[in-house]
Amino acid sequence: MLLPLLLTASAAAQEAEITDNPIVEIVQPADEETEIGGGMASYYGKELAGNRTASGERFNPSHLTAAHRSLPFGSRVRVTNVANGDSVIVRINDRGPFSHGRVIDVSHAAAREIGMHRSGTARVKLALLDD
């Protein structure tokens, strides 16, 4: 019964349904990206929750945020774990990391997304997203 209805729907109507679907927006290609290098990443501990970041906002370990030494606050960066290929997009809201040899500190939520929450560190690639 539903099959004839689907076959008679206009192409424009089908296209509108697809583009209005929020799930489709998630899997569509991301914004343009510029590779900005990589190195070792670490993550902020939950004990820092509530502390002010360099941007002035309060740190929340469940948000997808990160600290970088020089990128402007609000920049969006794709962080990819080289070992497993998992990636996450974070928003820069703090300065750091201050540990020697680290290129970025991510929140606990971001660390979980890329599978580095148990080890504490991971080799990553970074890509700046163009808005």
N, C-alpha and C. Protein backbone atom coordinates (compact mmCIF):
# COMPACT_ATOMS: atom_id res chain seq x y z
N MET A 1 0.81 -1.19 0.00
CA MET A 1 0.00 0.00 0.00
C MET A 1 0.86 1.25 0.00
N LEU A 2 1.93 1.28 0.78
CA LEU A 2 2.79 2.46 0.84
C LEU A 2 3.67 2.59 -0.39
N LEU A 3 4.02 1.50 -1.01
CA LEU A 3 4.91 1.53 -2.15
C LEU A 3 4.37 2.40 -3.28
N PRO A 4 3.10 2.27 -3.69
CA PRO A 4 2.60 3.15 -4.75
C PRO A 4 2.66 4.63 -4.35
N LEU A 5 2.43 4.93 -3.10
CA LEU A 5 2.49 6.32 -2.66
C LEU A 5 3.91 6.86 -2.77
N LEU A 6 4.88 6.06 -2.42
CA LEU A 6 6.27 6.51 -2.52
C LEU A 6 6.68 6.71 -3.96
N LEU A 7 6.20 5.85 -4.84
CA LEU A 7 6.57 5.95 -6.24
C LEU A 7 5.94 7.16 -6.92
N THR A 8 4.81 7.63 -6.41
CA THR A 8 4.14 8.75 -7.05
C THR A 8 4.57 10.10 -6.49
N ALA A 9 5.33 10.10 -5.41
CA ALA A 9 5.79 11.38 -4.84
C ALA A 9 6.72 12.06 -5.83
N SER A 10 6.61 13.36 -5.91
CA SER A 10 7.44 14.10 -6.86
C SER A 10 8.89 14.11 -6.39
N ALA A 11 9.80 14.30 -7.32
CA ALA A 11 11.22 14.35 -6.99
C ALA A 11 11.50 15.54 -6.08
N ALA A 12 10.82 16.65 -6.31
CA ALA A 12 11.03 17.84 -5.48
C ALA A 12 10.61 17.58 -4.03
N ALA A 13 9.50 16.88 -3.86
CA ALA A 13 9.03 16.57 -2.51
C ALA A 13 10.00 15.64 -1.82
N GLN A 14 10.51 14.63 -2.54
CA GLN A 14 11.47 13.71 -1.95
C GLN A 14 12.74 14.45 -1.57
N GLU A 15 13.20 15.35 -2.42
CA GLU A 15 14.41 16.11 -2.14
C GLU A 15 14.22 17.00 -0.92
N ALA A 16 13.05 17.62 -0.79
CA ALA A 16 12.76 18.48 0.35
C ALA A 16 12.78 17.67 1.64
N GLU A 17 12.24 16.46 1.60
CA GLU A 17 12.22 15.62 2.79
C GLU A 17 13.64 15.27 3.21
N ILE A 18 14.50 15.00 2.26
CA ILE A 18 15.87 14.61 2.56
C ILE A 18 16.63 15.78 3.17
N THR A 19 16.54 16.97 2.58
CA THR A 19 17.32 18.10 3.08
C THR A 19 16.78 18.66 4.38
N ASP A 20 15.50 18.43 4.69
CA ASP A 20 14.94 18.90 5.94
C ASP A 20 15.19 17.94 7.09
N ASN A 21 15.71 16.78 6.81
CA ASN A 21 15.95 15.77 7.82
C ASN A 21 17.23 16.11 8.58
N PRO A 22 17.16 16.35 9.91
CA PRO A 22 18.36 16.73 10.66
C PRO A 22 19.43 15.65 10.68
N ILE A 23 19.05 14.40 10.55
CA ILE A 23 20.04 13.33 10.54
C ILE A 23 20.88 13.41 9.28
N VAL A 24 20.27 13.76 8.17
CA VAL A 24 21.01 13.89 6.92
C VAL A 24 22.07 14.98 7.05
N GLU A 25 21.76 16.07 7.76
CA GLU A 25 22.72 17.15 7.94
C GLU A 25 23.96 16.67 8.67
N ILE A 26 23.81 15.74 9.58
CA ILE A 26 24.94 15.24 10.36
C ILE A 26 25.90 14.47 9.46
N VAL A 27 25.39 13.71 8.52
CA VAL A 27 26.25 12.87 7.69
C VAL A 27 26.67 13.53 6.39
N GLN A 28 26.20 14.74 6.12
CA GLN A 28 26.64 15.43 4.92
C GLN A 28 28.10 15.82 5.09
N PRO A 29 28.81 16.06 3.99
CA PRO A 29 30.22 16.42 4.09
C PRO A 29 30.42 17.65 4.96
N ALA A 30 31.52 17.64 5.71
CA ALA A 30 31.81 18.74 6.61
C ALA A 30 32.27 19.97 5.84
N ASP A 31 32.40 21.08 6.57
CA ASP A 31 32.93 22.29 5.99
C ASP A 31 34.34 22.01 5.45
N GLU A 32 34.87 22.98 4.69
CA GLU A 32 36.23 22.84 4.19
C GLU A 32 37.19 22.76 5.37
N GLU A 33 38.22 21.96 5.23
CA GLU A 33 39.18 21.76 6.30
C GLU A 33 40.58 22.09 5.80
N THR A 34 41.41 22.64 6.69
CA THR A 34 42.80 22.92 6.40
C THR A 34 43.65 22.17 7.41
N GLU A 35 44.47 21.25 6.91
CA GLU A 35 45.36 20.51 7.81
C GLU A 35 46.30 21.49 8.50
N ILE A 36 46.42 21.36 9.82
CA ILE A 36 47.30 22.26 10.58
C ILE A 36 48.32 21.48 11.40
N GLY A 37 48.61 20.27 10.98
CA GLY A 37 49.64 19.48 11.66
C GLY A 37 49.06 18.48 12.63
N GLY A 38 49.85 18.17 13.62
CA GLY A 38 49.43 17.19 14.60
C GLY A 38 50.51 16.99 15.63
N GLY A 39 50.35 15.95 16.42
CA GLY A 39 51.28 15.64 17.49
C GLY A 39 50.55 14.91 18.59
N MET A 40 51.00 15.09 19.81
CA MET A 40 50.39 14.42 20.95
C MET A 40 49.30 15.28 21.57
N ALA A 41 48.20 14.63 21.88
CA ALA A 41 47.08 15.30 22.54
C ALA A 41 46.90 14.69 23.92
N SER A 42 46.36 15.47 24.81
CA SER A 42 45.98 14.99 26.13
C SER A 42 44.60 15.54 26.43
N TYR A 43 44.06 15.21 27.60
CA TYR A 43 42.75 15.77 27.91
C TYR A 43 42.69 16.30 29.33
N TYR A 44 41.77 17.26 29.50
CA TYR A 44 41.55 17.89 30.80
C TYR A 44 40.87 16.89 31.73
N GLY A 45 41.30 16.87 32.96
CA GLY A 45 40.64 16.03 33.95
C GLY A 45 39.33 16.65 34.41
N LYS A 46 38.44 15.81 34.90
CA LYS A 46 37.14 16.28 35.39
C LYS A 46 37.28 17.19 36.61
N GLU A 47 38.43 17.11 37.28
CA GLU A 47 38.63 17.94 38.47
C GLU A 47 38.69 19.43 38.15
N LEU A 48 38.86 19.78 36.89
CA LEU A 48 38.89 21.19 36.48
C LEU A 48 37.51 21.74 36.14
N ALA A 49 36.49 20.92 36.23
CA ALA A 49 35.12 21.36 35.90
C ALA A 49 34.75 22.59 36.71
N GLY A 50 34.20 23.58 36.03
CA GLY A 50 33.76 24.81 36.68
C GLY A 50 34.79 25.91 36.70
N ASN A 51 36.08 25.57 36.49
CA ASN A 51 37.12 26.60 36.43
C ASN A 51 36.94 27.45 35.18
N ARG A 52 37.35 28.69 35.26
CA ARG A 52 37.29 29.58 34.10
C ARG A 52 38.38 29.21 33.11
N THR A 53 38.02 29.23 31.82
CA THR A 53 39.00 29.02 30.76
C THR A 53 39.57 30.38 30.38
N ALA A 54 40.57 30.39 29.52
CA ALA A 54 41.18 31.65 29.08
C ALA A 54 40.19 32.53 28.33
N SER A 55 39.16 31.93 27.74
CA SER A 55 38.14 32.71 27.02
C SER A 55 37.12 33.31 27.98
N GLY A 56 37.15 32.90 29.24
CA GLY A 56 36.23 33.43 30.24
C GLY A 56 35.06 32.53 30.57
N GLU A 57 34.82 31.52 29.74
CA GLU A 57 33.70 30.62 30.05
C GLU A 57 34.14 29.56 31.05
N ARG A 58 33.19 28.92 31.67
CA ARG A 58 33.49 27.86 32.63
C ARG A 58 33.74 26.55 31.88
N PHE A 59 34.76 25.82 32.32
CA PHE A 59 35.07 24.54 31.70
C PHE A 59 34.02 23.50 32.07
N ASN A 60 33.52 22.81 31.06
CA ASN A 60 32.55 21.73 31.26
C ASN A 60 33.11 20.50 30.54
N PRO A 61 33.50 19.46 31.28
CA PRO A 61 34.10 18.29 30.65
C PRO A 61 33.18 17.54 29.70
N SER A 62 31.88 17.80 29.75
CA SER A 62 30.97 17.10 28.85
C SER A 62 30.76 17.84 27.53
N HIS A 63 31.35 19.03 27.38
CA HIS A 63 31.27 19.76 26.10
C HIS A 63 32.47 19.41 25.24
N LEU A 64 32.30 19.53 23.93
CA LEU A 64 33.38 19.21 22.99
C LEU A 64 34.22 20.46 22.77
N THR A 65 35.14 20.71 23.71
CA THR A 65 35.99 21.89 23.67
C THR A 65 37.45 21.47 23.78
N ALA A 66 38.35 22.45 23.57
CA ALA A 66 39.78 22.14 23.63
C ALA A 66 40.59 23.40 23.91
N ALA A 67 41.83 23.17 24.31
CA ALA A 67 42.80 24.25 24.51
C ALA A 67 43.88 24.13 23.45
N HIS A 68 44.23 25.26 22.84
CA HIS A 68 45.30 25.32 21.86
C HIS A 68 46.11 26.58 22.13
N ARG A 69 47.39 26.54 21.85
CA ARG A 69 48.26 27.66 22.18
C ARG A 69 47.96 28.93 21.39
N SER A 70 47.58 28.80 20.11
CA SER A 70 47.49 30.01 19.29
C SER A 70 46.22 30.18 18.47
N LEU A 71 45.43 29.14 18.26
CA LEU A 71 44.22 29.30 17.45
C LEU A 71 43.24 30.24 18.13
N PRO A 72 42.52 31.06 17.37
CA PRO A 72 41.55 31.99 17.97
C PRO A 72 40.44 31.24 18.71
N PHE A 73 39.96 31.85 19.80
CA PHE A 73 38.83 31.28 20.52
C PHE A 73 37.65 31.17 19.56
N GLY A 74 36.92 30.08 19.66
CA GLY A 74 35.78 29.85 18.78
C GLY A 74 36.12 29.04 17.55
N SER A 75 37.41 28.88 17.25
CA SER A 75 37.81 28.07 16.09
C SER A 75 37.33 26.65 16.29
N ARG A 76 36.92 26.03 15.18
CA ARG A 76 36.51 24.63 15.23
C ARG A 76 37.61 23.79 14.59
N VAL A 77 37.99 22.73 15.29
CA VAL A 77 39.10 21.90 14.86
C VAL A 77 38.67 20.44 14.87
N ARG A 78 38.98 19.73 13.78
CA ARG A 78 38.77 18.28 13.76
C ARG A 78 40.03 17.64 14.32
N VAL A 79 39.85 16.85 15.37
CA VAL A 79 40.95 16.13 16.01
C VAL A 79 40.76 14.65 15.68
N THR A 80 41.75 14.07 15.00
CA THR A 80 41.66 12.67 14.57
C THR A 80 42.72 11.84 15.26
N ASN A 81 42.29 10.80 15.95
CA ASN A 81 43.21 9.87 16.60
C ASN A 81 43.85 9.03 15.50
N VAL A 82 45.16 9.14 15.35
CA VAL A 82 45.87 8.44 14.28
C VAL A 82 45.78 6.92 14.46
N ALA A 83 45.75 6.45 15.68
CA ALA A 83 45.75 5.00 15.95
C ALA A 83 44.48 4.30 15.49
N ASN A 84 43.32 4.97 15.64
CA ASN A 84 42.07 4.28 15.30
C ASN A 84 41.24 5.00 14.24
N GLY A 85 41.64 6.20 13.82
CA GLY A 85 40.92 6.93 12.79
C GLY A 85 39.69 7.68 13.28
N ASP A 86 39.35 7.56 14.56
CA ASP A 86 38.19 8.27 15.10
C ASP A 86 38.49 9.76 15.17
N SER A 87 37.47 10.58 14.89
CA SER A 87 37.67 12.02 14.94
C SER A 87 36.50 12.70 15.65
N VAL A 88 36.76 13.91 16.11
CA VAL A 88 35.77 14.72 16.81
C VAL A 88 36.04 16.18 16.45
N ILE A 89 34.98 16.96 16.39
CA ILE A 89 35.15 18.40 16.16
C ILE A 89 35.00 19.10 17.49
N VAL A 90 36.01 19.89 17.84
CA VAL A 90 36.02 20.63 19.10
C VAL A 90 36.06 22.13 18.81
N ARG A 91 35.63 22.90 19.81
CA ARG A 91 35.69 24.36 19.73
C ARG A 91 36.78 24.82 20.68
N ILE A 92 37.69 25.67 20.20
CA ILE A 92 38.78 26.17 21.03
C ILE A 92 38.23 27.23 21.99
N ASN A 93 38.41 27.00 23.30
CA ASN A 93 37.93 27.97 24.29
C ASN A 93 38.95 28.22 25.40
N ASP A 94 40.17 27.69 25.23
CA ASP A 94 41.17 27.84 26.28
C ASP A 94 42.57 27.84 25.66
N ARG A 95 43.56 28.24 26.45
CA ARG A 95 44.96 28.22 26.03
C ARG A 95 45.66 27.04 26.67
N GLY A 96 46.65 26.55 25.99
CA GLY A 96 47.41 25.39 26.43
C GLY A 96 47.60 24.49 25.23
N PRO A 97 48.08 23.32 25.38
CA PRO A 97 48.53 22.70 26.62
C PRO A 97 49.89 23.24 27.05
N PHE A 98 50.19 23.07 28.31
CA PHE A 98 51.44 23.56 28.86
C PHE A 98 52.41 22.43 29.14
N SER A 99 52.04 21.20 28.82
CA SER A 99 52.95 20.06 28.93
C SER A 99 53.83 20.01 27.69
N HIS A 100 55.10 19.77 27.88
CA HIS A 100 56.05 19.71 26.77
C HIS A 100 55.64 18.62 25.77
N GLY A 101 55.68 18.95 24.49
CA GLY A 101 55.40 17.98 23.45
C GLY A 101 53.93 17.77 23.11
N ARG A 102 53.03 18.48 23.75
CA ARG A 102 51.60 18.34 23.46
C ARG A 102 51.15 19.48 22.56
N VAL A 103 50.21 19.17 21.64
CA VAL A 103 49.73 20.20 20.71
C VAL A 103 48.32 20.67 21.02
N ILE A 104 47.54 19.85 21.74
CA ILE A 104 46.16 20.21 22.06
C ILE A 104 45.71 19.44 23.30
N ASP A 105 44.90 20.10 24.11
CA ASP A 105 44.22 19.45 25.24
C ASP A 105 42.74 19.45 24.91
N VAL A 106 42.11 18.30 24.96
CA VAL A 106 40.68 18.21 24.67
C VAL A 106 39.91 17.92 25.95
N SER A 107 38.63 18.19 25.93
CA SER A 107 37.76 17.88 27.07
C SER A 107 37.61 16.36 27.21
N HIS A 108 37.11 15.94 28.35
CA HIS A 108 36.90 14.52 28.59
C HIS A 108 35.93 13.92 27.57
N ALA A 109 34.87 14.67 27.23
CA ALA A 109 33.90 14.18 26.25
C ALA A 109 34.56 13.97 24.88
N ALA A 110 35.41 14.89 24.48
CA ALA A 110 36.11 14.75 23.20
C ALA A 110 37.08 13.57 23.24
N ALA A 111 37.75 13.39 24.38
CA ALA A 111 38.67 12.26 24.53
C ALA A 111 37.94 10.93 24.38
N ARG A 112 36.74 10.85 24.94
CA ARG A 112 35.94 9.62 24.81
C ARG A 112 35.57 9.37 23.35
N GLU A 113 35.21 10.44 22.64
CA GLU A 113 34.80 10.31 21.23
C GLU A 113 35.90 9.70 20.36
N ILE A 114 37.16 10.01 20.67
CA ILE A 114 38.25 9.51 19.83
C ILE A 114 39.02 8.38 20.50
N GLY A 115 38.51 7.87 21.61
CA GLY A 115 39.09 6.68 22.23
C GLY A 115 40.40 6.90 22.94
N MET A 116 40.62 8.07 23.53
CA MET A 116 41.86 8.30 24.26
C MET A 116 41.64 8.55 25.75
N HIS A 117 40.41 8.34 26.22
CA HIS A 117 40.10 8.64 27.61
C HIS A 117 40.76 7.67 28.59
N ARG A 118 41.10 6.48 28.15
CA ARG A 118 41.76 5.52 29.05
C ARG A 118 43.27 5.74 29.10
N SER A 119 43.86 5.97 27.93
CA SER A 119 45.32 6.14 27.89
C SER A 119 45.75 7.52 28.36
N GLY A 120 44.88 8.53 28.17
CA GLY A 120 45.21 9.88 28.58
C GLY A 120 45.87 10.71 27.50
N THR A 121 46.53 10.07 26.56
CA THR A 121 47.17 10.77 25.45
C THR A 121 46.98 9.97 24.18
N ALA A 122 47.15 10.65 23.06
CA ALA A 122 47.08 9.97 21.76
C ALA A 122 47.77 10.84 20.72
N ARG A 123 48.34 10.20 19.71
CA ARG A 123 48.89 10.93 18.58
C ARG A 123 47.70 11.32 17.70
N VAL A 124 47.61 12.60 17.33
CA VAL A 124 46.47 13.11 16.58
C VAL A 124 46.90 13.93 15.38
N LYS A 125 45.97 14.07 14.44
CA LYS A 125 46.08 15.02 13.33
C LYS A 125 45.06 16.11 13.61
N LEU A 126 45.39 17.35 13.25
CA LEU A 126 44.49 18.47 13.45
C LEU A 126 44.14 19.10 12.12
N ALA A 127 42.87 19.48 11.97
CA ALA A 127 42.41 20.18 10.77
C ALA A 127 41.49 21.31 11.21
N LEU A 128 41.77 22.52 10.76
CA LEU A 128 40.96 23.69 11.07
C LEU A 128 39.78 23.71 10.11
N LEU A 129 38.57 23.84 10.64
CA LEU A 129 37.36 23.90 9.81
C LEU A 129 37.08 25.35 9.46
N ASP A 130 36.79 25.59 8.20
CA ASP A 130 36.42 26.92 7.74
C ASP A 130 34.93 27.10 7.91
N ASP A 131 34.53 28.19 8.50
CA ASP A 131 33.09 28.46 8.71
C ASP A 131 32.50 29.15 7.52
